[in-house]
N, C-alpha and C. Protein backbone atom coordinates (compact mmCIF):
# COMPACT_ATOMS: atom_id res chain seq x y z
N MET A 1 -3.32 -8.08 11.88
CA MET A 1 -4.07 -9.24 11.58
C MET A 1 -3.32 -10.46 11.73
N ARG A 2 -3.92 -11.45 12.17
CA ARG A 2 -3.29 -12.84 12.27
C ARG A 2 -3.68 -13.60 11.11
N TRP A 3 -2.76 -13.79 10.19
CA TRP A 3 -2.98 -14.48 8.92
C TRP A 3 -3.41 -15.95 9.17
N GLY A 4 -3.04 -16.51 10.17
CA GLY A 4 -3.41 -17.88 10.51
C GLY A 4 -4.97 -18.10 10.79
N ASP A 5 -5.46 -16.95 11.10
CA ASP A 5 -7.09 -17.00 11.39
C ASP A 5 -7.84 -16.80 10.23
N ALA A 6 -7.22 -16.54 9.03
CA ALA A 6 -8.10 -16.08 7.86
C ALA A 6 -8.81 -17.40 7.44
N ALA A 7 -9.87 -17.23 6.74
CA ALA A 7 -10.77 -18.27 6.21
C ALA A 7 -10.06 -19.07 5.09
N GLY A 8 -10.52 -20.21 4.88
CA GLY A 8 -10.26 -20.94 3.62
C GLY A 8 -8.91 -21.55 3.63
N GLY A 9 -8.24 -21.28 2.37
CA GLY A 9 -6.91 -21.90 2.27
C GLY A 9 -5.79 -21.53 3.21
N ALA A 10 -5.93 -20.52 4.07
CA ALA A 10 -4.94 -20.08 4.93
C ALA A 10 -4.65 -21.00 6.00
N LYS A 11 -5.53 -21.91 6.23
CA LYS A 11 -5.28 -22.99 7.34
C LYS A 11 -4.12 -23.78 7.07
N GLN A 12 -3.66 -23.91 5.84
CA GLN A 12 -2.46 -24.73 5.55
C GLN A 12 -1.18 -23.92 5.57
N GLY A 13 -1.33 -22.56 5.63
CA GLY A 13 -0.09 -21.76 5.61
C GLY A 13 -0.07 -21.04 7.00
N GLY A 14 -0.07 -19.67 6.78
CA GLY A 14 -0.06 -18.90 8.03
C GLY A 14 1.11 -19.09 8.90
N TRP A 15 0.84 -19.12 10.24
CA TRP A 15 2.02 -19.18 11.15
C TRP A 15 2.81 -20.43 11.12
N ARG A 16 2.11 -21.45 10.71
CA ARG A 16 2.78 -22.72 10.62
C ARG A 16 4.10 -22.77 9.77
N ASP A 17 3.94 -21.90 8.65
CA ASP A 17 4.98 -21.82 7.72
C ASP A 17 6.25 -21.31 8.36
N CYS A 18 6.36 -20.67 9.42
CA CYS A 18 7.53 -20.22 10.05
C CYS A 18 8.42 -21.34 10.44
N GLU A 19 7.76 -22.48 10.70
CA GLU A 19 8.61 -23.60 11.16
C GLU A 19 9.13 -24.38 9.99
N LEU A 20 8.91 -24.11 8.83
CA LEU A 20 9.37 -24.75 7.62
C LEU A 20 10.47 -24.16 6.99
N SER A 21 11.27 -25.05 6.29
CA SER A 21 12.40 -24.40 5.56
C SER A 21 11.94 -23.53 4.29
N MET A 22 12.83 -22.84 3.80
CA MET A 22 12.38 -21.88 2.60
C MET A 22 11.86 -22.89 1.51
N GLY A 23 12.40 -23.88 1.26
CA GLY A 23 11.91 -24.86 0.16
C GLY A 23 10.59 -25.43 0.42
N GLU A 24 10.38 -25.73 1.78
CA GLU A 24 9.06 -26.26 2.18
C GLU A 24 8.00 -25.14 1.99
N ARG A 25 8.35 -23.96 2.45
CA ARG A 25 7.43 -22.84 2.37
C ARG A 25 6.98 -22.54 0.88
N ALA A 26 7.95 -22.59 -0.02
CA ALA A 26 7.70 -22.45 -1.40
C ALA A 26 6.85 -23.50 -1.96
N LEU A 27 7.03 -24.68 -1.57
CA LEU A 27 6.09 -25.81 -1.97
C LEU A 27 4.77 -25.64 -1.36
N ALA A 28 4.60 -25.23 -0.17
CA ALA A 28 3.28 -25.06 0.42
C ALA A 28 2.62 -23.90 -0.30
N ALA A 29 3.34 -22.79 -0.67
CA ALA A 29 2.64 -21.63 -1.31
C ALA A 29 2.17 -22.10 -2.65
N ARG A 30 2.94 -22.88 -3.33
CA ARG A 30 2.67 -23.39 -4.69
C ARG A 30 1.43 -24.26 -4.60
N GLU A 31 1.28 -25.08 -3.53
CA GLU A 31 0.10 -25.93 -3.42
C GLU A 31 -1.13 -25.14 -3.10
N ARG A 32 -0.94 -23.94 -2.22
CA ARG A 32 -2.10 -23.08 -2.04
C ARG A 32 -2.60 -22.40 -3.23
N VAL A 33 -1.70 -21.96 -4.08
CA VAL A 33 -2.04 -21.29 -5.33
C VAL A 33 -2.73 -22.30 -6.23
N ARG A 34 -2.24 -23.59 -6.35
CA ARG A 34 -2.78 -24.68 -7.19
C ARG A 34 -4.27 -24.80 -6.70
N GLN A 35 -4.45 -24.99 -5.37
CA GLN A 35 -5.78 -25.24 -4.82
C GLN A 35 -6.72 -24.07 -5.21
N ALA A 36 -6.28 -22.84 -5.03
CA ALA A 36 -7.10 -21.68 -5.40
C ALA A 36 -7.52 -21.67 -6.79
N LEU A 37 -6.56 -21.96 -7.75
CA LEU A 37 -6.74 -21.91 -9.15
C LEU A 37 -7.79 -23.08 -9.56
N THR A 38 -7.53 -24.16 -8.85
CA THR A 38 -8.42 -25.33 -9.13
C THR A 38 -9.88 -24.92 -8.72
N ALA A 39 -10.02 -24.25 -7.55
CA ALA A 39 -11.47 -23.82 -7.14
C ALA A 39 -11.99 -22.83 -8.11
N VAL A 40 -11.23 -22.00 -8.86
CA VAL A 40 -11.73 -21.06 -9.70
C VAL A 40 -12.20 -21.78 -11.00
N GLY A 41 -11.68 -22.85 -11.35
CA GLY A 41 -11.96 -23.69 -12.44
C GLY A 41 -11.14 -23.49 -13.71
N PRO A 42 -11.28 -24.50 -14.62
CA PRO A 42 -10.21 -24.40 -15.72
C PRO A 42 -10.56 -23.31 -16.77
N ASP A 43 -11.80 -22.73 -16.80
CA ASP A 43 -12.15 -21.76 -17.73
C ASP A 43 -11.60 -20.39 -17.48
N LEU A 44 -11.50 -20.11 -16.20
CA LEU A 44 -11.02 -18.67 -15.73
C LEU A 44 -9.74 -18.62 -14.94
N SER A 45 -9.14 -19.79 -14.60
CA SER A 45 -8.02 -19.86 -13.62
C SER A 45 -6.81 -19.24 -14.40
N GLY A 46 -6.64 -19.58 -15.72
CA GLY A 46 -5.51 -19.01 -16.44
C GLY A 46 -5.58 -17.45 -16.61
N ALA A 47 -6.78 -16.99 -16.78
CA ALA A 47 -6.96 -15.53 -16.94
C ALA A 47 -6.74 -14.90 -15.53
N LEU A 48 -7.16 -15.54 -14.48
CA LEU A 48 -6.93 -14.95 -13.10
C LEU A 48 -5.53 -14.94 -12.81
N PHE A 49 -4.78 -16.02 -13.12
CA PHE A 49 -3.33 -16.09 -12.86
C PHE A 49 -2.64 -15.00 -13.70
N ASP A 50 -2.96 -14.78 -14.95
CA ASP A 50 -2.31 -13.77 -15.80
C ASP A 50 -2.56 -12.35 -15.16
N LEU A 51 -3.72 -12.03 -14.60
CA LEU A 51 -4.14 -10.87 -14.04
C LEU A 51 -3.42 -10.55 -12.74
N CYS A 52 -3.48 -11.55 -11.87
CA CYS A 52 -2.98 -11.30 -10.51
C CYS A 52 -1.53 -11.58 -10.44
N CYS A 53 -0.95 -12.55 -11.15
CA CYS A 53 0.51 -13.00 -10.94
C CYS A 53 1.38 -12.31 -11.95
N LEU A 54 0.94 -12.19 -13.15
CA LEU A 54 1.78 -11.68 -14.25
C LEU A 54 1.49 -10.19 -14.58
N ASP A 55 0.55 -9.59 -13.86
CA ASP A 55 0.24 -8.15 -13.99
C ASP A 55 -0.19 -7.67 -15.42
N VAL A 56 -1.09 -8.68 -16.03
CA VAL A 56 -1.61 -8.32 -17.35
C VAL A 56 -2.83 -7.54 -17.17
N GLY A 57 -3.05 -6.52 -17.83
CA GLY A 57 -4.22 -5.66 -17.81
C GLY A 57 -5.34 -6.31 -18.43
N ILE A 58 -6.61 -5.81 -18.00
CA ILE A 58 -7.88 -6.47 -18.62
C ILE A 58 -7.92 -6.32 -20.03
N SER A 59 -7.54 -5.22 -20.61
CA SER A 59 -7.60 -5.04 -22.10
C SER A 59 -6.69 -6.02 -22.79
N ASP A 60 -5.44 -6.14 -22.22
CA ASP A 60 -4.49 -7.10 -22.76
C ASP A 60 -4.94 -8.48 -22.61
N LEU A 61 -5.63 -8.72 -21.53
CA LEU A 61 -6.16 -10.04 -21.27
C LEU A 61 -7.20 -10.46 -22.26
N GLU A 62 -8.09 -9.48 -22.57
CA GLU A 62 -9.11 -9.64 -23.54
C GLU A 62 -8.55 -10.04 -24.93
N SER A 63 -7.46 -9.32 -25.35
CA SER A 63 -6.94 -9.59 -26.70
C SER A 63 -6.10 -10.93 -26.69
N ARG A 64 -5.39 -11.16 -25.55
CA ARG A 64 -4.61 -12.47 -25.55
C ARG A 64 -5.51 -13.63 -25.65
N ARG A 65 -6.59 -13.64 -24.89
CA ARG A 65 -7.50 -14.74 -24.92
C ARG A 65 -8.64 -14.75 -25.99
N GLY A 66 -8.72 -13.71 -26.79
CA GLY A 66 -9.67 -13.72 -27.87
C GLY A 66 -11.05 -13.46 -27.33
N TRP A 67 -11.15 -12.81 -26.19
CA TRP A 67 -12.52 -12.35 -25.64
C TRP A 67 -12.88 -11.19 -26.34
N PRO A 68 -14.25 -10.89 -26.51
CA PRO A 68 -14.78 -9.69 -27.02
C PRO A 68 -14.39 -8.47 -26.21
N ARG A 69 -14.25 -7.34 -26.80
CA ARG A 69 -13.84 -6.16 -25.99
C ARG A 69 -14.95 -5.87 -24.96
N ARG A 70 -14.56 -5.45 -23.89
CA ARG A 70 -15.38 -5.01 -22.65
C ARG A 70 -16.01 -6.24 -22.04
N SER A 71 -15.49 -7.50 -22.43
CA SER A 71 -16.07 -8.69 -21.64
C SER A 71 -15.12 -9.07 -20.42
N GLY A 72 -13.86 -8.53 -20.48
CA GLY A 72 -12.89 -8.89 -19.43
C GLY A 72 -13.39 -8.55 -17.98
N LYS A 73 -14.02 -7.42 -17.89
CA LYS A 73 -14.51 -6.98 -16.56
C LYS A 73 -15.52 -7.99 -15.96
N LEU A 74 -16.41 -8.47 -16.83
CA LEU A 74 -17.42 -9.48 -16.29
C LEU A 74 -16.76 -10.80 -16.04
N LEU A 75 -15.88 -11.19 -16.90
CA LEU A 75 -15.25 -12.56 -16.71
C LEU A 75 -14.25 -12.47 -15.49
N VAL A 76 -13.59 -11.46 -15.32
CA VAL A 76 -12.64 -11.33 -14.09
C VAL A 76 -13.49 -11.32 -12.91
N SER A 77 -14.61 -10.58 -12.90
CA SER A 77 -15.55 -10.63 -11.81
C SER A 77 -15.96 -11.93 -11.36
N LEU A 78 -16.28 -12.78 -12.45
CA LEU A 78 -16.68 -14.23 -12.04
C LEU A 78 -15.57 -14.98 -11.64
N ALA A 79 -14.34 -14.76 -12.00
CA ALA A 79 -13.31 -15.50 -11.48
C ALA A 79 -12.92 -15.15 -10.07
N LEU A 80 -12.98 -13.70 -9.80
CA LEU A 80 -12.83 -13.38 -8.45
C LEU A 80 -13.87 -13.78 -7.45
N ARG A 81 -15.08 -13.88 -7.93
CA ARG A 81 -16.24 -14.37 -7.16
C ARG A 81 -15.97 -15.89 -6.65
N ALA A 82 -15.57 -16.61 -7.73
CA ALA A 82 -15.15 -18.08 -7.35
C ALA A 82 -13.96 -18.05 -6.36
N LEU A 83 -13.00 -17.24 -6.53
CA LEU A 83 -11.91 -17.23 -5.65
C LEU A 83 -12.35 -16.79 -4.22
N GLY A 84 -13.23 -15.84 -4.17
CA GLY A 84 -13.76 -15.46 -2.82
C GLY A 84 -14.54 -16.54 -2.13
N ARG A 85 -15.27 -17.34 -2.91
CA ARG A 85 -15.89 -18.51 -2.28
C ARG A 85 -14.90 -19.47 -1.83
N HIS A 86 -13.90 -19.68 -2.46
CA HIS A 86 -12.77 -20.68 -2.10
C HIS A 86 -12.23 -20.18 -0.74
N TYR A 87 -11.97 -18.92 -0.58
CA TYR A 87 -11.35 -18.38 0.68
C TYR A 87 -12.43 -18.05 1.78
N GLY A 88 -13.70 -18.43 1.45
CA GLY A 88 -14.76 -18.12 2.45
C GLY A 88 -15.22 -16.69 2.61
N TYR A 89 -14.84 -15.87 1.63
CA TYR A 89 -15.37 -14.46 1.74
C TYR A 89 -16.70 -14.26 1.19
N VAL A 90 -17.10 -15.21 0.20
CA VAL A 90 -18.45 -15.10 -0.44
C VAL A 90 -19.08 -16.39 -0.23
N ARG A 91 -20.26 -16.30 0.36
CA ARG A 91 -21.08 -17.50 0.65
C ARG A 91 -22.01 -17.85 -0.38
N HIS A 92 -22.66 -16.95 -0.92
CA HIS A 92 -23.69 -17.08 -1.90
C HIS A 92 -23.43 -16.20 -3.11
N THR A 93 -24.03 -16.56 -4.27
CA THR A 93 -23.79 -15.78 -5.42
C THR A 93 -24.34 -14.43 -5.22
N SER A 94 -25.39 -14.25 -4.52
CA SER A 94 -26.00 -12.85 -4.32
C SER A 94 -25.30 -11.94 -3.44
N ASP A 95 -24.13 -12.48 -2.81
CA ASP A 95 -23.27 -11.64 -1.89
C ASP A 95 -22.49 -10.70 -2.66
N VAL A 96 -22.23 -10.91 -3.97
CA VAL A 96 -21.37 -10.07 -4.72
C VAL A 96 -22.08 -9.43 -5.94
N GLU A 97 -21.85 -8.16 -6.05
CA GLU A 97 -22.45 -7.49 -7.20
C GLU A 97 -21.46 -7.42 -8.32
N LEU A 98 -21.85 -7.66 -9.61
CA LEU A 98 -20.95 -7.35 -10.70
C LEU A 98 -20.76 -5.99 -10.92
N VAL A 99 -19.66 -5.48 -11.20
CA VAL A 99 -19.40 -4.15 -11.46
C VAL A 99 -19.86 -3.71 -12.84
């Protein structure tokens, strides 16, 4: 797979990052993460960061955030749907089924 051809936020990274220094690549990666979390929105971006970057499980996420039990799956699905729209994988709300 050629990562430079991926949809959405990958246009700013991909193969062009090979020409950058390590510090510049780190800054570019941080900016791509910031843009993705901004696209998810303030209500779910923190939870998505905890789940994807800090490896927090859904049940731990529910208790940390004060969510009702068994609500995490739905809220994470909504966050991942927003992330999919940001990267161009989901075009319409009807394209994704909630689990």
